[in-house]
Amino acid sequence: MKYVLWYQASPDVATKAPPHVAAHAARWAQYASAGTLLMIGPFANPSEGAMGIFTTREAAESFAAGDPFVHNGVVERWHVSEWLEALVP
């Protein structure tokens, strides 16, 4: 099982995000290095939000709780969903 962190972007994500991108990237790099973050990124239309795939719920929740995007209003809301991933043969 994996855990998907869903971010809903603020309506003004394009202006709010740039000052916090470096700190946000540094945070996800830590989780990726630890092996708890598998993928992360915005949707093609950034106003639709973003998602990340984590190995544990605790890692996903911890990431969001300390993410500069969350603390600075780039993200309006977030939640974590359990994901029963499957590979197509």
C-alpha atoms as a PDB file:
ATOM      1  CA  MET A   1       0.000   0.000   0.000  1.00  0.00           C
ATOM      2  CA  LYS A   2       1.106   3.545  -0.716  1.00  0.00           C
ATOM      3  CA  TYR A   3      -0.238   6.888   0.478  1.00  0.00           C
ATOM      4  CA  VAL A   4      -1.175   9.757  -1.808  1.00  0.00           C
ATOM      5  CA  LEU A   5      -0.886  13.289  -0.469  1.00  0.00           C
ATOM      6  CA  TRP A   6      -3.330  15.534  -2.324  1.00  0.00           C
ATOM      7  CA  TYR A   7      -2.785  19.299  -2.351  1.00  0.00           C
ATOM      8  CA  GLN A   8      -5.434  21.808  -3.347  1.00  0.00           C
ATOM      9  CA  ALA A   9      -3.670  24.928  -4.562  1.00  0.00           C
ATOM     10  CA  SER A  10      -4.730  28.413  -3.554  1.00  0.00           C
ATOM     11  CA  PRO A  11      -6.329  30.477  -6.344  1.00  0.00           C
ATOM     12  CA  ASP A  12      -3.200  32.654  -6.488  1.00  0.00           C
ATOM     13  CA  VAL A  13      -0.703  29.773  -6.544  1.00  0.00           C
ATOM     14  CA  ALA A  14       1.281  31.354  -9.403  1.00  0.00           C
ATOM     15  CA  THR A  15       2.166  34.389  -7.290  1.00  0.00           C
ATOM     16  CA  LYS A  16       2.409  32.702  -3.888  1.00  0.00           C
ATOM     17  CA  ALA A  17       4.587  29.723  -4.827  1.00  0.00           C
ATOM     18  CA  PRO A  18       7.820  31.216  -6.256  1.00  0.00           C
ATOM     19  CA  PRO A  19       9.286  32.578  -3.001  1.00  0.00           C
ATOM     20  CA  HIS A  20       8.863  29.148  -1.357  1.00  0.00           C
ATOM     21  CA  VAL A  21       9.906  26.756  -4.149  1.00  0.00           C
ATOM     22  CA  ALA A  22      13.493  26.267  -2.911  1.00  0.00           C
ATOM     23  CA  ALA A  23      12.415  25.423   0.649  1.00  0.00           C
ATOM     24  CA  HIS A  24       9.637  23.148  -0.645  1.00  0.00           C
ATOM     25  CA  ALA A  25      12.096  21.319  -2.935  1.00  0.00           C
ATOM     26  CA  ALA A  26      14.606  20.928  -0.108  1.00  0.00           C
ATOM     27  CA  ARG A  27      11.896  19.362   2.007  1.00  0.00           C
ATOM     28  CA  TRP A  28      10.857  16.832  -0.608  1.00  0.00           C
ATOM     29  CA  ALA A  29      14.499  16.010  -1.317  1.00  0.00           C
ATOM     30  CA  GLN A  30      14.896  14.971   2.330  1.00  0.00           C
ATOM     31  CA  TYR A  31      11.918  12.617   2.110  1.00  0.00           C
ATOM     32  CA  ALA A  32      13.076  11.223  -1.238  1.00  0.00           C
ATOM     33  CA  SER A  33      16.570  10.583   0.177  1.00  0.00           C
ATOM     34  CA  ALA A  34      15.020   8.777   3.131  1.00  0.00           C
ATOM     35  CA  GLY A  35      13.074   6.576   0.707  1.00  0.00           C
ATOM     36  CA  THR A  36       9.644   7.617   1.976  1.00  0.00           C
ATOM     37  CA  LEU A  37       8.722   9.857  -0.977  1.00  0.00           C
ATOM     38  CA  LEU A  38       8.449   8.055  -4.312  1.00  0.00           C
ATOM     39  CA  MET A  39       7.005  10.759  -6.607  1.00  0.00           C
ATOM     40  CA  ILE A  40       5.796  14.320  -6.272  1.00  0.00           C
ATOM     41  CA  GLY A  41       4.645  17.099  -8.544  1.00  0.00           C
ATOM     42  CA  PRO A  42       1.930  19.488  -9.666  1.00  0.00           C
ATOM     43  CA  PHE A  43      -0.760  18.644 -12.166  1.00  0.00           C
ATOM     44  CA  ALA A  44      -0.273  20.048 -15.691  1.00  0.00           C
ATOM     45  CA  ASN A  45      -2.499  22.944 -14.676  1.00  0.00           C
ATOM     46  CA  PRO A  46      -0.903  24.028 -11.352  1.00  0.00           C
ATOM     47  CA  SER A  47      -4.160  25.627 -10.209  1.00  0.00           C
ATOM     48  CA  GLU A  48      -5.543  22.064  -9.978  1.00  0.00           C
ATOM     49  CA  GLY A  49      -3.051  21.246  -7.241  1.00  0.00           C
ATOM     50  CA  ALA A  50      -0.441  18.563  -6.814  1.00  0.00           C
ATOM     51  CA  MET A  51       0.144  15.136  -5.368  1.00  0.00           C
ATOM     52  CA  GLY A  52       2.881  13.065  -3.829  1.00  0.00           C
ATOM     53  CA  ILE A  53       3.185   9.323  -3.314  1.00  0.00           C
ATOM     54  CA  PHE A  54       4.638   8.196   0.011  1.00  0.00           C
ATOM     55  CA  THR A  55       5.493   4.832   1.517  1.00  0.00           C
ATOM     56  CA  THR A  56       3.742   5.569   4.841  1.00  0.00           C
ATOM     57  CA  ARG A  57       0.858   7.705   6.034  1.00  0.00           C
ATOM     58  CA  GLU A  58       3.106   9.132   8.723  1.00  0.00           C
ATOM     59  CA  ALA A  59       5.613  10.374   6.135  1.00  0.00           C
ATOM     60  CA  ALA A  60       2.868  11.977   4.018  1.00  0.00           C
ATOM     61  CA  GLU A  61       1.316  13.735   7.015  1.00  0.00           C
ATOM     62  CA  SER A  62       4.688  14.828   8.375  1.00  0.00           C
ATOM     63  CA  PHE A  63       5.683  16.216   4.991  1.00  0.00           C
ATOM     64  CA  ALA A  64       2.517  18.309   4.701  1.00  0.00           C
ATOM     65  CA  ALA A  65       2.668  19.473   8.318  1.00  0.00           C
ATOM     66  CA  GLY A  66       6.086  21.057   7.765  1.00  0.00           C
ATOM     67  CA  ASP A  67       5.839  22.046   4.104  1.00  0.00           C
ATOM     68  CA  PRO A  68       6.517  25.746   3.396  1.00  0.00           C
ATOM     69  CA  PHE A  69       3.793  25.609   0.719  1.00  0.00           C
ATOM     70  CA  VAL A  70       1.247  24.715   3.412  1.00  0.00           C
ATOM     71  CA  HIS A  71       2.569  27.234   5.938  1.00  0.00           C
ATOM     72  CA  ASN A  72       2.609  30.089   3.423  1.00  0.00           C
ATOM     73  CA  GLY A  73      -0.808  29.603   1.830  1.00  0.00           C
ATOM     74  CA  VAL A  74       0.346  28.124  -1.478  1.00  0.00           C
ATOM     75  CA  VAL A  75      -1.753  25.083  -0.540  1.00  0.00           C
ATOM     76  CA  GLU A  76      -5.278  25.725   0.738  1.00  0.00           C
ATOM     77  CA  ARG A  77      -6.094  22.174   1.831  1.00  0.00           C
ATOM     78  CA  TRP A  78      -4.503  18.763   1.846  1.00  0.00           C
ATOM     79  CA  HIS A  79      -5.431  15.201   2.670  1.00  0.00           C
ATOM     80  CA  VAL A  80      -3.932  11.734   2.501  1.00  0.00           C
ATOM     81  CA  SER A  81      -5.573   8.743   0.784  1.00  0.00           C
ATOM     82  CA  GLU A  82      -4.565   5.090   0.997  1.00  0.00           C
ATOM     83  CA  TRP A  83      -3.712   3.756  -2.457  1.00  0.00           C
ATOM     84  CA  LEU A  84      -3.740   0.083  -3.391  1.00  0.00           C
ATOM     85  CA  GLU A  85      -1.333   0.371  -6.288  1.00  0.00           C
ATOM     86  CA  ALA A  86      -1.246  -2.277  -8.995  1.00  0.00           C
ATOM     87  CA  LEU A  87       0.954  -2.873 -12.002  1.00  0.00           C
ATOM     88  CA  VAL A  88      -0.646  -3.701 -15.323  1.00  0.00           C
ATOM     89  CA  PRO A  89       0.990  -6.765 -16.894  1.00  0.00           C
END
